[in-house]
PDB file of N, CA and C in Angstrom:
ATOM      1  N   UNK A   1     -14.516   3.619  13.003  1.00  0.00           N
ATOM      2  CA  UNK A   1     -15.097   4.069  11.757  1.00  0.00           C
ATOM      3  C   UNK A   1     -14.152   5.031  11.040  1.00  0.00           C
ATOM      4  N   UNK A   2     -13.612   5.981  11.759  1.00  0.00           N
ATOM      5  CA  UNK A   2     -12.721   6.961  11.135  1.00  0.00           C
ATOM      6  C   UNK A   2     -11.415   6.313  10.686  1.00  0.00           C
ATOM      7  N   UNK A   3     -10.947   5.315  11.432  1.00  0.00           N
ATOM      8  CA  UNK A   3      -9.710   4.643  11.057  1.00  0.00           C
ATOM      9  C   UNK A   3      -9.889   3.938   9.713  1.00  0.00           C
ATOM     10  N   UNK A   4     -11.035   3.298   9.515  1.00  0.00           N
ATOM     11  CA  UNK A   4     -11.275   2.604   8.248  1.00  0.00           C
ATOM     12  C   UNK A   4     -11.397   3.590   7.095  1.00  0.00           C
ATOM     13  N   UNK A   5     -12.099   4.678   7.305  1.00  0.00           N
ATOM     14  CA  UNK A   5     -12.219   5.693   6.260  1.00  0.00           C
ATOM     15  C   UNK A   5     -10.852   6.284   5.926  1.00  0.00           C
ATOM     16  N   UNK A   6     -10.084   6.606   6.953  1.00  0.00           N
ATOM     17  CA  UNK A   6      -8.727   7.113   6.763  1.00  0.00           C
ATOM     18  C   UNK A   6      -7.863   6.066   6.062  1.00  0.00           C
ATOM     19  N   UNK A   7      -8.027   4.813   6.438  1.00  0.00           N
ATOM     20  CA  UNK A   7      -7.267   3.729   5.828  1.00  0.00           C
ATOM     21  C   UNK A   7      -7.586   3.565   4.354  1.00  0.00           C
ATOM     22  N   UNK A   8      -8.861   3.625   4.007  1.00  0.00           N
ATOM     23  CA  UNK A   8      -9.242   3.525   2.596  1.00  0.00           C
ATOM     24  C   UNK A   8      -8.621   4.656   1.782  1.00  0.00           C
ATOM     25  N   UNK A   9      -8.762   5.859   2.279  1.00  0.00           N
ATOM     26  CA  UNK A   9      -8.247   7.019   1.540  1.00  0.00           C
ATOM     27  C   UNK A   9      -6.722   6.978   1.431  1.00  0.00           C
ATOM     28  N   UNK A  10      -6.059   6.717   2.540  1.00  0.00           N
ATOM     29  CA  UNK A  10      -4.604   6.663   2.529  1.00  0.00           C
ATOM     30  C   UNK A  10      -4.106   5.502   1.673  1.00  0.00           C
ATOM     31  N   UNK A  11      -4.801   4.393   1.707  1.00  0.00           N
ATOM     32  CA  UNK A  11      -4.433   3.249   0.887  1.00  0.00           C
ATOM     33  C   UNK A  11      -4.551   3.545  -0.599  1.00  0.00           C
ATOM     34  N   UNK A  12      -5.636   4.177  -1.002  1.00  0.00           N
ATOM     35  CA  UNK A  12      -5.812   4.526  -2.409  1.00  0.00           C
ATOM     36  C   UNK A  12      -4.777   5.545  -2.880  1.00  0.00           C
ATOM     37  N   UNK A  13      -4.526   6.533  -2.048  1.00  0.00           N
ATOM     38  CA  UNK A  13      -3.532   7.551  -2.405  1.00  0.00           C
ATOM     39  C   UNK A  13      -2.140   6.926  -2.470  1.00  0.00           C
ATOM     40  N   UNK A  14      -1.792   6.127  -1.478  1.00  0.00           N
ATOM     41  CA  UNK A  14      -0.483   5.489  -1.454  1.00  0.00           C
ATOM     42  C   UNK A  14      -0.271   4.537  -2.611  1.00  0.00           C
ATOM     43  N   UNK A  15      -1.282   3.753  -2.939  1.00  0.00           N
ATOM     44  CA  UNK A  15      -1.166   2.820  -4.061  1.00  0.00           C
ATOM     45  C   UNK A  15      -1.050   3.572  -5.384  1.00  0.00           C
ATOM     46  N   UNK A  16      -1.766   4.672  -5.521  1.00  0.00           N
ATOM     47  CA  UNK A  16      -1.663   5.488  -6.742  1.00  0.00           C
ATOM     48  C   UNK A  16      -0.263   6.068  -6.903  1.00  0.00           C
ATOM     49  N   UNK A  17       0.298   6.546  -5.820  1.00  0.00           N
ATOM     50  CA  UNK A  17       1.660   7.097  -5.867  1.00  0.00           C
ATOM     51  C   UNK A  17       2.653   5.999  -6.190  1.00  0.00           C
ATOM     52  N   UNK A  18       2.486   4.820  -5.596  1.00  0.00           N
ATOM     53  CA  UNK A  18       3.384   3.694  -5.852  1.00  0.00           C
ATOM     54  C   UNK A  18       3.315   3.272  -7.320  1.00  0.00           C
ATOM     55  N   UNK A  19       2.119   3.167  -7.858  1.00  0.00           N
ATOM     56  CA  UNK A  19       1.961   2.767  -9.259  1.00  0.00           C
ATOM     57  C   UNK A  19       2.611   3.787 -10.178  1.00  0.00           C
ATOM     58  N   UNK A  20       2.411   5.066  -9.913  1.00  0.00           N
ATOM     59  CA  UNK A  20       3.015   6.112 -10.731  1.00  0.00           C
ATOM     60  C   UNK A  20       4.542   6.042 -10.680  1.00  0.00           C
ATOM     61  N   UNK A  21       5.088   5.874  -9.484  1.00  0.00           N
ATOM     62  CA  UNK A  21       6.532   5.792  -9.307  1.00  0.00           C
ATOM     63  C   UNK A  21       7.111   4.568 -10.018  1.00  0.00           C
ATOM     64  N   UNK A  22       6.482   3.416  -9.833  1.00  0.00           N
ATOM     65  CA  UNK A  22       6.974   2.177 -10.430  1.00  0.00           C
ATOM     66  C   UNK A  22       6.916   2.247 -11.952  1.00  0.00           C
ATOM     67  N   UNK A  23       5.839   2.782 -12.493  1.00  0.00           N
ATOM     68  CA  UNK A  23       5.735   2.840 -13.950  1.00  0.00           C
ATOM     69  C   UNK A  23       6.744   3.818 -14.557  1.00  0.00           C
ATOM     70  N   UNK A  24       6.951   4.942 -13.925  1.00  0.00           N
ATOM     71  CA  UNK A  24       7.948   5.894 -14.438  1.00  0.00           C
ATOM     72  C   UNK A  24       9.366   5.324 -14.338  1.00  0.00           C
ATOM     73  N   UNK A  25       9.654   4.671 -13.237  1.00  0.00           N
ATOM     74  CA  UNK A  25      10.971   4.068 -13.066  1.00  0.00           C
ATOM     75  C   UNK A  25      11.188   2.934 -14.066  1.00  0.00           C
ATOM     76  N   UNK A  26      10.175   2.123 -14.291  1.00  0.00           N
ATOM     77  CA  UNK A  26      10.285   1.043 -15.258  1.00  0.00           C
ATOM     78  C   UNK A  26      10.510   1.560 -16.675  1.00  0.00           C
ATOM     79  N   UNK A  27       9.825   2.632 -17.043  1.00  0.00           N
ATOM     80  CA  UNK A  27      10.032   3.223 -18.369  1.00  0.00           C
ATOM     81  C   UNK A  27      11.426   3.810 -18.512  1.00  0.00           C
ATOM     82  N   UNK A  28      11.949   4.375 -17.436  1.00  0.00           N
ATOM     83  CA  UNK A  28      13.279   4.990 -17.496  1.00  0.00           C
ATOM     84  C   UNK A  28      14.387   3.930 -17.525  1.00  0.00           C
ATOM     85  N   UNK A  29      14.219   2.842 -16.786  1.00  0.00           N
ATOM     86  CA  UNK A  29      15.272   1.827 -16.698  1.00  0.00           C
ATOM     87  C   UNK A  29      15.302   0.873 -17.886  1.00  0.00           C
ATOM     88  N   UNK A  30      14.143   0.514 -18.388  1.00  0.00           N
ATOM     89  CA  UNK A  30      14.061  -0.504 -19.432  1.00  0.00           C
ATOM     90  C   UNK A  30      13.230  -0.025 -20.620  1.00  0.00           C
ATOM     91  N   UNK A  31      13.694   0.978 -21.342  1.00  0.00           N
ATOM     92  CA  UNK A  31      12.862   1.521 -22.423  1.00  0.00           C
ATOM     93  C   UNK A  31      12.683   0.559 -23.602  1.00  0.00           C
ATOM     94  N   UNK A  32      13.644  -0.303 -23.880  1.00  0.00           N
ATOM     95  CA  UNK A  32      13.554  -1.138 -25.070  1.00  0.00           C
ATOM     96  C   UNK A  32      13.726  -2.635 -24.781  1.00  0.00           C
ATOM     97  N   UNK A  33      13.892  -3.023 -23.561  1.00  0.00           N
ATOM     98  CA  UNK A  33      14.138  -4.427 -23.241  1.00  0.00           C
ATOM     99  C   UNK A  33      12.889  -5.029 -22.596  1.00  0.00           C
ATOM    100  N   UNK A  34      12.116  -5.760 -23.374  1.00  0.00           N
ATOM    101  CA  UNK A  34      10.820  -6.258 -22.932  1.00  0.00           C
ATOM    102  C   UNK A  34      10.944  -7.304 -21.823  1.00  0.00           C
ATOM    103  N   UNK A  35      11.912  -8.194 -21.916  1.00  0.00           N
ATOM    104  CA  UNK A  35      12.044  -9.259 -20.916  1.00  0.00           C
ATOM    105  C   UNK A  35      12.403  -8.688 -19.541  1.00  0.00           C
ATOM    106  N   UNK A  36      13.333  -7.742 -19.498  1.00  0.00           N
ATOM    107  CA  UNK A  36      13.693  -7.124 -18.215  1.00  0.00           C
ATOM    108  C   UNK A  36      12.540  -6.291 -17.664  1.00  0.00           C
ATOM    109  N   UNK A  37      11.843  -5.623 -18.542  1.00  0.00           N
ATOM    110  CA  UNK A  37      10.696  -4.818 -18.112  1.00  0.00           C
ATOM    111  C   UNK A  37       9.601  -5.726 -17.527  1.00  0.00           C
ATOM    112  N   UNK A  38       9.367  -6.868 -18.149  1.00  0.00           N
ATOM    113  CA  UNK A  38       8.380  -7.821 -17.633  1.00  0.00           C
ATOM    114  C   UNK A  38       8.772  -8.318 -16.243  1.00  0.00           C
ATOM    115  N   UNK A  39      10.037  -8.677 -16.063  1.00  0.00           N
ATOM    116  CA  UNK A  39      10.511  -9.144 -14.758  1.00  0.00           C
ATOM    117  C   UNK A  39      10.411  -8.041 -13.707  1.00  0.00           C
ATOM    118  N   UNK A  40      10.762  -6.826 -14.090  1.00  0.00           N
ATOM    119  CA  UNK A  40      10.685  -5.691 -13.166  1.00  0.00           C
ATOM    120  C   UNK A  40       9.253  -5.473 -12.692  1.00  0.00           C
ATOM    121  N   UNK A  41       8.303  -5.469 -13.628  1.00  0.00           N
ATOM    122  CA  UNK A  41       6.909  -5.239 -13.245  1.00  0.00           C
ATOM    123  C   UNK A  41       6.344  -6.400 -12.432  1.00  0.00           C
ATOM    124  N   UNK A  42       6.804  -7.608 -12.681  1.00  0.00           N
ATOM    125  CA  UNK A  42       6.360  -8.749 -11.876  1.00  0.00           C
ATOM    126  C   UNK A  42       6.836  -8.600 -10.430  1.00  0.00           C
ATOM    127  N   UNK A  43       8.087  -8.210 -10.255  1.00  0.00           N
ATOM    128  CA  UNK A  43       8.631  -8.024  -8.901  1.00  0.00           C
ATOM    129  C   UNK A  43       7.992  -6.814  -8.221  1.00  0.00           C
ATOM    130  N   UNK A  44       7.859  -5.719  -8.962  1.00  0.00           N
ATOM    131  CA  UNK A  44       7.244  -4.512  -8.384  1.00  0.00           C
ATOM    132  C   UNK A  44       5.772  -4.734  -8.063  1.00  0.00           C
ATOM    133  N   UNK A  45       5.106  -5.568  -8.845  1.00  0.00           N
ATOM    134  CA  UNK A  45       3.701  -5.865  -8.588  1.00  0.00           C
ATOM    135  C   UNK A  45       3.497  -6.664  -7.319  1.00  0.00           C
ATOM    136  N   UNK A  46       4.465  -7.480  -6.961  1.00  0.00           N
ATOM    137  CA  UNK A  46       4.389  -8.249  -5.724  1.00  0.00           C
ATOM    138  C   UNK A  46       4.963  -7.439  -4.555  1.00  0.00           C
ATOM    139  N   UNK A  47       5.891  -6.547  -4.837  1.00  0.00           N
ATOM    140  CA  UNK A  47       6.599  -5.807  -3.794  1.00  0.00           C
ATOM    141  C   UNK A  47       5.742  -4.898  -2.939  1.00  0.00           C
ATOM    142  N   UNK A  48       4.623  -4.411  -3.462  1.00  0.00           N
ATOM    143  CA  UNK A  48       3.792  -3.502  -2.680  1.00  0.00           C
ATOM    144  C   UNK A  48       3.010  -4.234  -1.599  1.00  0.00           C
ATOM    145  N   UNK A  49       2.920  -5.567  -1.700  1.00  0.00           N
ATOM    146  CA  UNK A  49       2.109  -6.332  -0.757  1.00  0.00           C
ATOM    147  C   UNK A  49       2.683  -6.270   0.658  1.00  0.00           C
ATOM    148  N   UNK A  50       4.002  -6.328   0.782  1.00  0.00           N
ATOM    149  CA  UNK A  50       4.616  -6.394   2.112  1.00  0.00           C
ATOM    150  C   UNK A  50       4.403  -5.119   2.938  1.00  0.00           C
ATOM    151  N   UNK A  51       4.613  -3.923   2.402  1.00  0.00           N
ATOM    152  CA  UNK A  51       4.276  -2.738   3.197  1.00  0.00           C
ATOM    153  C   UNK A  51       2.772  -2.613   3.446  1.00  0.00           C
ATOM    154  N   UNK A  52       1.970  -3.072   2.493  1.00  0.00           N
ATOM    155  CA  UNK A  52       0.521  -2.962   2.649  1.00  0.00           C
ATOM    156  C   UNK A  52      -0.004  -3.876   3.753  1.00  0.00           C
ATOM    157  N   UNK A  53       0.650  -5.010   3.989  1.00  0.00           N
ATOM    158  CA  UNK A  53       0.197  -5.925   5.038  1.00  0.00           C
ATOM    159  C   UNK A  53       0.224  -5.258   6.412  1.00  0.00           C
ATOM    160  N   UNK A  54       1.299  -4.555   6.722  1.00  0.00           N
ATOM    161  CA  UNK A  54       1.379  -3.855   8.003  1.00  0.00           C
ATOM    162  C   UNK A  54       0.351  -2.753   8.120  1.00  0.00           C
ATOM    163  N   UNK A  55       0.141  -2.059   7.029  1.00  0.00           N
ATOM    164  CA  UNK A  55      -0.851  -0.988   7.011  1.00  0.00           C
ATOM    165  C   UNK A  55      -2.262  -1.548   7.216  1.00  0.00           C
ATOM    166  N   UNK A  56      -2.571  -2.649   6.560  1.00  0.00           N
ATOM    167  CA  UNK A  56      -3.899  -3.249   6.693  1.00  0.00           C
ATOM    168  C   UNK A  56      -4.100  -3.815   8.097  1.00  0.00           C
ATOM    169  N   UNK A  57      -3.049  -4.365   8.690  1.00  0.00           N
ATOM    170  CA  UNK A  57      -3.167  -4.845  10.084  1.00  0.00           C
ATOM    171  C   UNK A  57      -3.487  -3.693  11.020  1.00  0.00           C
ATOM    172  N   UNK A  58      -2.857  -2.541  10.838  1.00  0.00           N
ATOM    173  CA  UNK A  58      -3.160  -1.371  11.661  1.00  0.00           C
ATOM    174  C   UNK A  58      -4.595  -0.934  11.448  1.00  0.00           C
ATOM    175  N   UNK A  59      -4.995  -0.937  10.203  1.00  0.00           N
ATOM    176  CA  UNK A  59      -6.293  -0.445   9.797  1.00  0.00           C
ATOM    177  C   UNK A  59      -7.417  -1.325  10.327  1.00  0.00           C
ATOM    178  N   UNK A  60      -7.223  -2.632  10.398  1.00  0.00           N
ATOM    179  CA  UNK A  60      -8.251  -3.559  10.839  1.00  0.00           C
ATOM    180  C   UNK A  60      -8.163  -3.895  12.327  1.00  0.00           C
ATOM    181  N   UNK A  61      -7.197  -3.320  13.015  1.00  0.00           N
ATOM    182  CA  UNK A  61      -7.020  -3.596  14.442  1.00  0.00           C
ATOM    183  C   UNK A  61      -8.263  -3.141  15.209  1.00  0.00           C
ATOM    184  N   UNK A  62      -8.717  -3.967  16.146  1.00  0.00           N
ATOM    185  CA  UNK A  62      -9.886  -3.550  16.932  1.00  0.00           C
ATOM    186  C   UNK A  62      -9.569  -2.339  17.801  1.00  0.00           C
ATOM    187  N   UNK A  63     -10.597  -1.602  18.084  1.00  0.00           N
ATOM    188  CA  UNK A  63     -10.446  -0.395  18.895  1.00  0.00           C
ATOM    189  C   UNK A  63      -9.981  -0.770  20.302  1.00  0.00           C
ATOM    190  N   UNK A  64      -9.092   0.025  20.883  1.00  0.00           N
ATOM    191  CA  UNK A  64      -8.587  -0.214  22.228  1.00  0.00           C
ATOM    192  C   UNK A  64      -9.702   0.078  23.227  1.00  0.00           C
ATOM    193  N   UNK A  65     -10.126  -0.934  23.978  1.00  0.00           N
ATOM    194  CA  UNK A  65     -11.236  -0.759  24.910  1.00  0.00           C
ATOM    195  C   UNK A  65     -10.777  -0.384  26.315  1.00  0.00           C
ATOM    196  N   UNK A  66      -9.481  -0.434  26.577  1.00  0.00           N
ATOM    197  CA  UNK A  66      -8.987  -0.071  27.917  1.00  0.00           C
ATOM    198  C   UNK A  66      -9.295   1.379  28.248  1.00  0.00           C
ATOM    199  N   UNK A  67      -9.078   2.259  27.320  1.00  0.00           N
ATOM    200  CA  UNK A  67      -9.270   3.688  27.571  1.00  0.00           C
ATOM    201  C   UNK A  67     -10.715   4.115  27.378  1.00  0.00           C
ATOM    202  N   UNK A  68     -11.564   3.235  26.868  1.00  0.00           N
ATOM    203  CA  UNK A  68     -12.930   3.601  26.587  1.00  0.00           C
ATOM    204  C   UNK A  68     -13.905   3.184  27.683  1.00  0.00           C
ATOM    205  N   UNK A  69     -13.399   2.630  28.780  1.00  0.00           N
ATOM    206  CA  UNK A  69     -14.292   2.200  29.841  1.00  0.00           C
ATOM    207  C   UNK A  69     -14.890   3.431  30.528  1.00  0.00           C
ATOM    208  N   UNK A  70     -16.169   3.378  30.689  1.00  0.00           N
ATOM    209  CA  UNK A  70     -16.881   4.487  31.344  1.00  0.00           C
ATOM    210  C   UNK A  70     -17.091   4.137  32.823  1.00  0.00           C
ATOM    211  N   UNK A  71     -16.931   5.127  33.646  1.00  0.00           N
ATOM    212  CA  UNK A  71     -17.133   4.921  35.082  1.00  0.00           C
ATOM    213  C   UNK A  71     -18.598   5.163  35.381  1.00  0.00           C
ATOM    214  N   UNK A  72     -19.278   4.140  35.927  1.00  0.00           N
ATOM    215  CA  UNK A  72     -20.729   4.296  36.206  1.00  0.00           C
ATOM    216  C   UNK A  72     -21.000   5.235  37.347  1.00  0.00           C
TER     217      UNK A  72
END
């Protein structure tokens, strides 16, 4: 339960930081060139998926039951 809550919060914070960084960088690199800016945002929009996949796999991983066994 705590892992999912932590995952949601960390995911939202991380995605917000990524969006802010990408948008500022895009404005700085391509202030007047619409075609390059479009290509940049298309690549940056897909680029966040790969780091997020590993994070989501960690977040959805089942709880380790080896250490949770209770001795009767």
